[in-house]
Each structure stands twice: as C-alpha cells, then as structure tokens.
Protein backbone atom coordinates (compact mmCIF):
# COMPACT_ATOMS: atom_id res chain seq x y z
CA MET A 1 -87.15 167.76 193.03
CA GLU A 2 -83.32 168.73 193.85
CA GLU A 3 -81.21 169.86 190.80
CA THR A 4 -78.59 167.62 189.56
CA PRO A 5 -75.01 168.86 189.15
CA ALA A 6 -75.20 168.75 185.29
CA LYS A 7 -78.33 170.78 184.95
CA SER A 8 -76.68 173.33 187.29
CA THR A 9 -73.62 173.61 185.19
CA LYS A 10 -75.58 174.07 182.06
CA ILE A 11 -77.47 176.98 183.79
CA LYS A 12 -74.08 178.77 184.70
CA VAL A 13 -72.66 178.37 181.36
CA ARG A 14 -75.85 179.92 179.70
CA ARG A 15 -75.93 182.83 182.28
CA GLY A 16 -71.90 183.28 181.44
CA TRP A 17 -72.74 183.64 177.60
CA TRP A 18 -75.28 186.32 178.55
CA TYR A 19 -72.65 188.30 180.72
CA VAL A 20 -70.24 188.05 177.67
CA LEU A 21 -73.00 189.53 175.41
CA GLY A 22 -74.04 192.25 177.76
CA GLY A 23 -70.57 193.38 178.32
CA VAL A 24 -70.28 193.55 174.34
CA LEU A 25 -73.32 195.63 174.10
CA CYS A 26 -71.96 197.93 176.91
CA LEU A 27 -68.59 199.00 175.02
CA GLY A 28 -70.43 201.57 173.11
CA LEU A 29 -71.83 199.22 170.30
CA ALA A 30 -75.51 199.34 171.66
CA SER A 31 -76.33 201.22 168.20
CA VAL A 32 -74.83 198.44 166.01
CA PRO A 33 -77.16 195.52 165.04
CA LEU A 34 -76.22 192.44 166.51
CA TYR A 35 -75.30 190.95 163.08
CA ARG A 36 -72.71 193.58 162.82
CA LEU A 37 -70.78 192.59 165.76
CA TRP A 38 -69.25 189.58 164.21
CA GLU A 39 -67.96 191.86 161.47
CA TYR A 40 -66.81 194.62 163.80
CA TYR A 41 -64.41 192.24 165.90
CA ARG A 42 -63.51 189.59 163.36
CA GLY A 43 -64.35 191.18 159.96
CA ARG A 44 -61.49 192.37 157.45
CA ALA A 45 -61.09 195.96 157.80
CA VAL A 46 -57.80 196.58 156.13
CA ASP A 47 -56.49 194.97 152.80
CA GLY A 48 -52.78 196.30 152.95
CA ASP A 49 -50.04 197.70 154.85
CA ALA A 50 -49.97 201.59 154.91
CA VAL A 51 -49.09 204.50 157.06
CA VAL A 52 -51.87 207.07 157.53
CA GLN A 53 -51.04 210.61 158.88
CA ILE A 54 -53.75 212.65 160.36
CA PRO A 55 -52.89 216.47 160.62
CA THR A 56 -53.30 218.14 163.90
CA GLY A 57 -56.90 219.91 163.98
CA SER A 58 -58.49 217.06 161.48
CA ARG A 59 -62.05 216.64 161.49
CA PHE A 60 -63.55 212.94 160.69
CA GLU A 61 -64.15 213.98 157.09
CA ALA A 62 -60.30 214.53 156.69
CA LEU A 63 -59.60 211.23 158.61
CA LEU A 64 -61.84 209.42 156.13
CA ASP A 65 -59.92 211.21 153.26
CA SER A 66 -56.42 210.23 154.64
CA LEU A 67 -57.96 206.64 154.69
CA GLY A 68 -59.36 206.66 151.35
CA ALA A 69 -56.08 208.03 149.87
CA ARG A 70 -54.38 204.97 150.89
CA ARG A 71 -57.10 202.64 149.15
CA VAL A 72 -56.71 200.11 151.81
CA LEU A 73 -60.04 199.91 153.63
CA HIS A 74 -61.97 196.77 152.74
CA ASP A 75 -65.31 198.37 153.23
CA SER A 76 -65.40 202.11 153.63
CA LEU A 77 -69.09 202.47 154.34
CA LEU A 78 -69.06 199.97 156.91
CA PHE A 79 -66.21 201.54 158.40
CA VAL A 80 -68.04 204.88 158.75
CA LYS A 81 -71.04 203.16 160.31
CA LEU A 82 -68.95 201.38 162.73
CA ALA A 83 -66.52 204.26 163.42
CA ARG A 84 -69.58 206.63 164.13
CA ALA A 85 -71.11 203.98 166.48
CA ARG A 86 -67.96 204.05 168.46
CA ASP A 87 -67.99 207.96 168.51
CA LEU A 88 -64.84 208.03 166.58
CA ASP A 89 -66.43 211.19 164.35
CA MET A 90 -66.75 213.21 167.90
CA LEU A 91 -62.86 213.37 168.54
CA VAL A 92 -60.13 212.85 165.83
CA ARG A 93 -56.82 212.22 167.28
CA PRO A 94 -53.84 213.42 164.95
CA GLY A 95 -50.80 211.28 164.41
CA SER A 96 -48.93 208.77 162.09
CA TYR A 97 -50.50 205.36 162.39
CA GLN A 98 -49.49 202.02 160.76
CA LEU A 99 -52.26 199.99 159.43
CA ARG A 100 -51.77 196.36 159.19
CA GLU A 101 -52.99 194.08 156.51
CA GLY A 102 -55.89 192.08 157.90
CA MET A 103 -56.63 194.41 160.89
CA SER A 104 -60.10 194.12 162.16
CA TYR A 105 -62.46 197.21 162.55
CA ALA A 106 -62.32 196.90 166.08
CA SER A 107 -58.59 197.05 166.08
CA LEU A 108 -58.48 200.03 163.77
CA ILE A 109 -61.02 202.03 165.40
CA ASN A 110 -59.63 201.27 168.76
CA MET A 111 -56.18 202.53 167.55
CA LEU A 112 -57.25 205.61 165.94
CA LYS A 113 -59.87 206.48 168.99
CA SER A 114 -57.33 206.10 171.33
CA GLY A 115 -54.51 207.94 169.46
CA ARG A 116 -51.98 205.09 169.64
CA GLN A 117 -49.62 206.41 167.07
CA THR A 118 -46.59 204.37 165.50
CA PRO A 119 -43.38 206.04 166.25
CA VAL A 120 -41.32 207.45 163.33
CA ARG A 121 -37.70 206.91 163.08
CA VAL A 122 -35.87 210.07 162.32
CA THR A 123 -31.97 209.67 161.83
CA PHE A 124 -29.66 212.72 161.27
CA HIS A 125 -25.82 213.08 161.17
CA ASN A 126 -23.35 215.38 159.17
CA VAL A 127 -25.78 218.25 159.42
CA ARG A 128 -23.98 221.50 158.99
CA SER A 129 -26.46 223.97 160.32
CA THR A 130 -29.81 224.31 162.09
CA ASP A 131 -31.20 225.52 158.81
CA ARG A 132 -30.66 221.99 157.39
CA LEU A 133 -31.69 220.21 160.19
CA ALA A 134 -35.01 222.06 160.22
CA GLY A 135 -35.46 221.07 156.62
CA LEU A 136 -34.59 217.03 157.42
CA LEU A 137 -36.85 217.20 160.45
CA ALA A 138 -39.80 218.62 158.33
CA ARG A 139 -39.52 215.81 155.84
CA LYS A 140 -40.22 213.40 158.67
CA LEU A 141 -42.57 215.04 161.17
CA GLU A 142 -45.51 217.05 161.08
CA PRO A 143 -44.11 220.49 162.01
CA ASP A 144 -42.73 222.25 158.99
CA SER A 145 -39.27 223.62 158.70
CA LEU A 146 -40.26 227.33 159.78
CA ALA A 147 -41.82 225.85 163.04
CA PHE A 148 -38.61 224.10 163.93
CA LEU A 149 -36.33 227.08 162.69
CA GLN A 150 -38.45 229.39 165.22
CA ALA A 151 -37.61 227.18 167.75
CA PHE A 152 -33.84 227.01 166.87
CA ASP A 153 -33.87 230.54 167.16
CA ASN A 154 -35.97 230.91 170.33
CA ASP A 155 -33.24 232.60 172.70
CA SER A 156 -35.20 231.88 175.98
CA LEU A 157 -35.76 228.42 175.08
CA ILE A 158 -32.01 227.87 173.78
CA HIS A 159 -30.84 229.43 176.90
CA SER A 160 -33.26 227.11 179.36
CA LEU A 161 -31.64 224.11 177.82
CA GLY A 162 -28.14 225.49 178.64
CA PHE A 163 -26.83 226.53 175.19
CA SER A 164 -26.23 229.69 173.12
CA SER A 165 -27.28 230.15 169.59
CA ALA A 166 -23.70 229.54 168.69
CA THR A 167 -23.43 226.17 170.42
CA LEU A 168 -26.84 224.78 169.94
CA LEU A 169 -25.77 222.58 166.93
CA GLY A 170 -23.62 220.56 169.47
CA MET A 171 -26.71 219.49 171.54
CA PHE A 172 -27.84 217.18 168.79
CA ILE A 173 -25.94 213.96 169.00
CA PRO A 174 -26.32 212.24 165.73
CA ASN A 175 -28.17 208.95 165.96
CA THR A 176 -31.31 207.27 165.12
CA TYR A 177 -34.24 208.28 167.28
CA GLU A 178 -38.15 207.59 167.64
CA PHE A 179 -40.75 210.42 168.03
CA TYR A 180 -44.27 210.66 167.61
CA TRP A 181 -45.32 212.43 164.09
CA THR A 182 -47.06 215.11 166.15
CA VAL A 183 -44.16 216.02 168.45
CA THR A 184 -43.77 219.72 168.81
CA PRO A 185 -40.50 221.62 167.99
CA GLU A 186 -40.14 222.29 171.78
CA ALA A 187 -40.59 219.06 172.82
CA PHE A 188 -38.20 217.87 170.21
CA MET A 189 -35.40 220.06 171.50
CA LYS A 190 -36.14 219.01 175.24
CA ARG A 191 -35.79 215.31 174.14
CA MET A 192 -32.50 216.06 172.32
CA LYS A 193 -31.27 217.86 175.57
CA ARG A 194 -32.15 214.60 177.51
CA GLU A 195 -30.29 212.52 174.94
CA TYR A 196 -27.26 215.07 175.06
CA ASP A 197 -26.92 214.55 179.06
CA ARG A 198 -27.27 210.78 178.55
CA PHE A 199 -24.56 210.82 176.01
CA TRP A 200 -22.60 212.54 178.45
CA ASN A 201 -22.29 209.90 180.74
CA GLU A 202 -19.81 209.46 183.95
CA ASP A 203 -17.06 207.93 181.80
CA ARG A 204 -17.28 210.72 179.27
CA THR A 205 -17.52 213.39 181.74
CA ALA A 206 -14.51 212.28 183.68
CA LYS A 207 -12.45 212.54 180.29
CA LEU A 208 -13.10 216.28 180.21
CA ALA A 209 -10.16 216.80 182.78
CA ARG A 210 -7.62 215.30 180.25
CA CYS A 211 -8.25 217.45 177.63
CA GLY A 212 -9.11 220.56 179.63
CA LEU A 213 -12.24 221.35 177.47
CA SER A 214 -15.82 221.83 178.61
CA ARG A 215 -18.68 219.78 177.08
CA GLU A 216 -19.69 222.72 174.53
CA GLU A 217 -15.66 223.13 173.81
CA VAL A 218 -15.43 219.27 173.03
CA SER A 219 -18.32 219.57 170.50
CA THR A 220 -16.80 222.51 168.92
CA LEU A 221 -13.32 220.90 168.37
CA ALA A 222 -14.96 217.56 167.45
CA SER A 223 -16.77 219.48 164.58
CA ILE A 224 -13.42 220.66 163.05
CA VAL A 225 -12.02 217.06 163.47
CA TYR A 226 -14.98 215.80 161.65
CA GLU A 227 -14.60 217.96 158.84
CA GLU A 228 -10.86 217.54 158.59
CA THR A 229 -11.39 213.54 158.26
CA LYS A 230 -13.91 210.93 157.91
CA ASN A 231 -11.03 208.31 158.71
CA THR A 232 -11.96 207.54 162.12
CA ALA A 233 -8.75 205.81 162.77
CA GLU A 234 -6.97 209.36 162.32
CA MET A 235 -9.33 211.33 164.28
CA PRO A 236 -7.83 210.83 167.71
CA ARG A 237 -4.34 212.25 166.27
CA ILE A 238 -5.63 214.88 164.65
CA ALA A 239 -7.54 215.82 167.84
CA GLY A 240 -4.08 215.43 169.69
CA VAL A 241 -2.52 218.06 167.11
CA TYR A 242 -5.11 220.61 167.93
CA ILE A 243 -4.98 220.18 171.80
CA ASN A 244 -1.31 220.45 171.47
CA ARG A 245 -1.76 223.81 169.52
CA LEU A 246 -4.64 225.08 171.97
CA ARG A 247 -2.09 224.23 174.96
CA ARG A 248 0.71 226.31 173.33
CA GLY A 249 -1.34 229.07 172.59
CA MET A 250 -0.96 228.62 168.84
CA PRO A 251 -3.78 229.48 166.41
CA LEU A 252 -5.48 226.33 165.38
CA GLN A 253 -5.19 227.22 161.82
CA ALA A 254 -7.88 224.81 160.48
CA ASP A 255 -9.15 224.96 156.92
CA PRO A 256 -12.67 223.76 157.69
CA THR A 257 -13.17 226.97 159.92
CA VAL A 258 -12.17 229.17 156.98
CA LYS A 259 -14.69 227.27 154.74
CA TYR A 260 -17.32 227.85 157.36
CA ALA A 261 -16.34 231.72 157.46
CA VAL A 262 -16.42 232.08 153.71
CA GLY A 263 -19.85 229.91 153.51
CA ASP A 264 -18.44 227.45 151.18
CA PHE A 265 -17.75 223.91 152.29
CA THR A 266 -17.16 223.01 148.75
CA LEU A 267 -13.92 224.63 148.44
CA ARG A 268 -11.45 222.15 147.41
CA ARG A 269 -8.57 224.42 147.96
CA VAL A 270 -8.18 227.18 150.57
CA LEU A 271 -6.12 230.25 149.11
CA LEU A 272 -4.47 233.41 150.75
CA ARG A 273 -7.59 235.51 149.77
CA HIS A 274 -9.89 233.03 152.05
CA LEU A 275 -7.50 233.26 154.87
CA GLU A 276 -8.38 237.13 155.15
CA VAL A 277 -12.03 236.74 155.77
CA ASP A 278 -12.79 238.35 159.19
CA SER A 279 -14.93 236.23 161.04
CA PRO A 280 -14.43 234.71 164.70
CA TYR A 281 -14.80 231.31 163.02
CA ASN A 282 -11.41 232.01 160.95
CA THR A 283 -8.92 230.07 163.01
CA TYR A 284 -6.06 231.62 160.95
CA LYS A 285 -7.15 235.00 162.26
CA TYR A 286 -8.17 234.34 165.66
CA PRO A 287 -6.85 231.96 168.33
CA GLY A 288 -8.55 229.66 170.47
CA LEU A 289 -11.72 227.73 169.50
CA PRO A 290 -14.10 229.23 167.48
CA PRO A 291 -17.81 230.40 168.99
CA GLY A 292 -19.37 227.08 168.29
CA PRO A 293 -19.45 223.94 166.06
CA ILE A 294 -19.12 224.16 162.37
CA CYS A 295 -21.25 221.19 162.05
CA MET A 296 -22.85 218.37 163.80
CA PRO A 297 -19.98 216.29 164.97
CA SER A 298 -20.23 212.52 164.88
CA ILE A 299 -19.87 210.37 167.88
CA ALA A 300 -16.58 208.85 166.74
CA ALA A 301 -15.38 212.61 166.52
CA LEU A 302 -16.47 213.58 169.97
CA ASP A 303 -15.00 210.44 171.47
CA ALA A 304 -11.74 211.07 169.49
CA VAL A 305 -11.12 214.30 171.25
CA LEU A 306 -12.17 212.92 174.62
CA ASN A 307 -9.62 210.27 173.67
CA PHE A 308 -7.07 212.37 171.78
CA GLU A 309 -3.52 210.81 170.90
CA ALA A 310 -0.87 211.98 173.03
CA HIS A 311 2.00 213.11 170.83
CA ASP A 312 4.20 216.08 169.99
CA TYR A 313 2.95 216.60 166.52
CA LEU A 314 1.79 220.37 165.83
CA TYR A 315 1.00 220.26 162.26
CA PHE A 316 -0.92 217.62 159.63
CA CYS A 317 -1.42 218.03 155.92
CA ALA A 318 -3.18 215.89 153.48
CA LYS A 319 -1.35 213.38 151.78
CA GLU A 320 0.01 214.01 148.15
CA ASP A 321 -1.98 210.43 147.34
CA LEU A 322 -5.07 212.14 147.73
CA SER A 323 -5.96 209.25 149.90
CA GLY A 324 -7.85 211.30 152.26
CA THR A 325 -5.53 210.45 154.97
CA HIS A 326 -2.45 212.78 156.15
CA ASN A 327 1.08 213.39 156.90
CA PHE A 328 1.84 214.56 160.63
CA ALA A 329 4.70 216.92 161.38
CA ARG A 330 6.82 218.14 164.64
CA THR A 331 8.19 221.28 162.85
CA LEU A 332 7.23 223.83 160.60
CA ALA A 333 10.10 223.01 158.07
CA GLU A 334 8.60 219.40 157.84
CA HIS A 335 5.06 220.58 157.55
CA ASN A 336 6.10 223.06 154.60
CA ARG A 337 7.59 220.05 152.92
CA ASN A 338 4.38 218.00 153.17
CA ALA A 339 2.21 220.84 152.16
CA GLN A 340 4.19 221.74 148.86
CA ALA A 341 3.95 218.00 147.97
CA TYR A 342 0.03 218.26 148.33
CA ALA A 343 -0.15 221.47 146.53
CA ARG A 344 1.85 219.93 143.55
CA ALA A 345 -0.74 216.99 143.40
CA LEU A 346 -3.66 219.65 143.36
CA ASP A 347 -1.87 221.48 140.58
CA ARG A 348 -1.33 218.51 138.40
CA LEU A 349 -5.10 217.97 138.75
CA LYS A 350 -5.85 221.65 138.11
CA ILE A 351 -7.58 221.92 141.33
CA ARG A 352 -7.71 225.71 142.00
C-alpha cells in the first residue's frame, strides 16, 4: 500500500529527533546519563554574580577551590561530575571569568573550557613613576608588580618600542583600557605602544611643526604643564610660556622639575636650597627640557602643548588668592611683584 503524506511526515519528524539526540551524545557527554542532559543544558549552575580568577598553572582542584571560595555553585558535586564528563579536569585555562546568576552548567563549563575570559577594565592617570604604575597594574591584573617592573626596566624591550628608560613614562596615555587578566607585562607594553601610536594621529602629528618639538618632547613638556596646573583652561597659556622660553634659550625654571629632582612632590614651597640640587631634571640649573617626563601627562596637557597659546608672556606665578590659577607677566619686574604677593600669602599661612 502506498504511504500517505501524513505518515511520511511523522516518520521524518521522529527521525529528526533521533538525529538531535545523537548529536547531543556526540558532544562529549556520552558518559553522562541521559537524565542528566536536562540538568546540563537547562539546570541552574550559578546562584549569584561573581568574578572568579584562575591563576596560570592551576589544576582542576585549584579551579574548584576558586569556585568554592565564591560560594555561588548551585550543586558542587554535580558540577564536578559534568565538568569531568566534558574533560574540563584535563586542561584548566587561566583567566578572570564573570559568572552570572542563573547560568546553566553547559554555559559555565563551556566558558571555562574555552578560556572565554571577561576583560578587566584598567584605568590609570596622574602616575608619577613606572614604580607606581607597576603597583597599580598588579592590583588589577595577574602579574605582580615585580614582573611589571622588570619589563619596565628591560632596555631591549624599551628600545624595541622606540623609547628610552627616561622617556618610557610618556608612552602610557592615561585612559581606561580593557585587558585580559592574564596579560603578560610584555604584551601590556606592546599594547600601550599601539595605543600611543593611535593617539598620535595625523592631526596631532601635523601640529608638531608648530611647537617645534618631537612627540617625546611634547610628553615631557606636557608633564611639566600638568604638574603646574590642573586647570585645563590655563594649560595652553602655560604651555605658551614654556615654548617662548625654549625659543629664546631661557631656562624653563619650572618648580615641578625641582620637586622631581628633590624627590618630593609634596613640597608646597620651593626654596633656594632646593634650586641648588644637581640633577638634569633641575630646570633652574640646566637649560632646555629635562631628559623625560616627570609624570604621566594628561591628554588635556598633551593637547595643550600642541595647541599652545601664542602670546609674549615669559613668566607666570600662582595667584596670591591661592585659587590655583596664575598671574602671567611679560617682564621680570612684573613677575617679581607677582611672586612677592604670592610669597606674602604663603607667609600669612605659615607655609614654609
């Protein structure tokens, strides 16, 4: 008897379900009883949001300890059985993983098995040394501060990126970046070099001719401007003062460089004895720019140097109202009057 269309359709549907079931069994779950398949794909594995960090070189037991410390697994014993069935115990991938409440065992195990990390957001700005940068990074990423410091002191690596030990701090453009927790210090530095090159786009590079400085010199001058003021509106004017002094061959006489040379940025008053310190960073003693940045300049300070204000000021001094803004002067006599007013304000407050 000839098969009817309805019967043919039912047969095809039944065959389809067998194909699906066969495919499931071929996904490495053949050792899992059939009644566990529903729990694997649909069962609740995670009871709350958590970040789990698996250090490099960890074994399966360490993975279980990390998960257990977060107390978010719905059924630890079931997780172990299903994880072993998927051979997760054979290869543990290090990383930082974001667990979401309600994740299934399939989602959790697939994430860990594939090493699908959640990027870590790292923000840095106003960093005064690579030592401090290393400490900041170690609090966010897997490598410790010593590992980062060794990379920052690696002359071969530094030179391959086009920098020297004195100019390296200028390579790090302050911002928020995403990294995998397991990033190596070397990979971190190479990523920062790419970000540095991206920052120096065609528009910024074209402005170098106007100020007559190299990219590295812009970073150095911007670090001085940044330490002089956090008032972004004043930065282009202060940058213009320093550009004028450089063009005239005048020493910069920048107090922040003296603080850097002394090794004390907490100084509230630079005295004559501080000006005598013998250091290439002392711009009262040595003309021109110092060897490198005295801090990590902000993007605003970098752009202030590139877009410096054209004027004929040669001096500036903090205002006597201690507002954080400055008086600008064209002559030394005018500057001395401004400086005396500021000194009297400090004396009244007994700041020595």
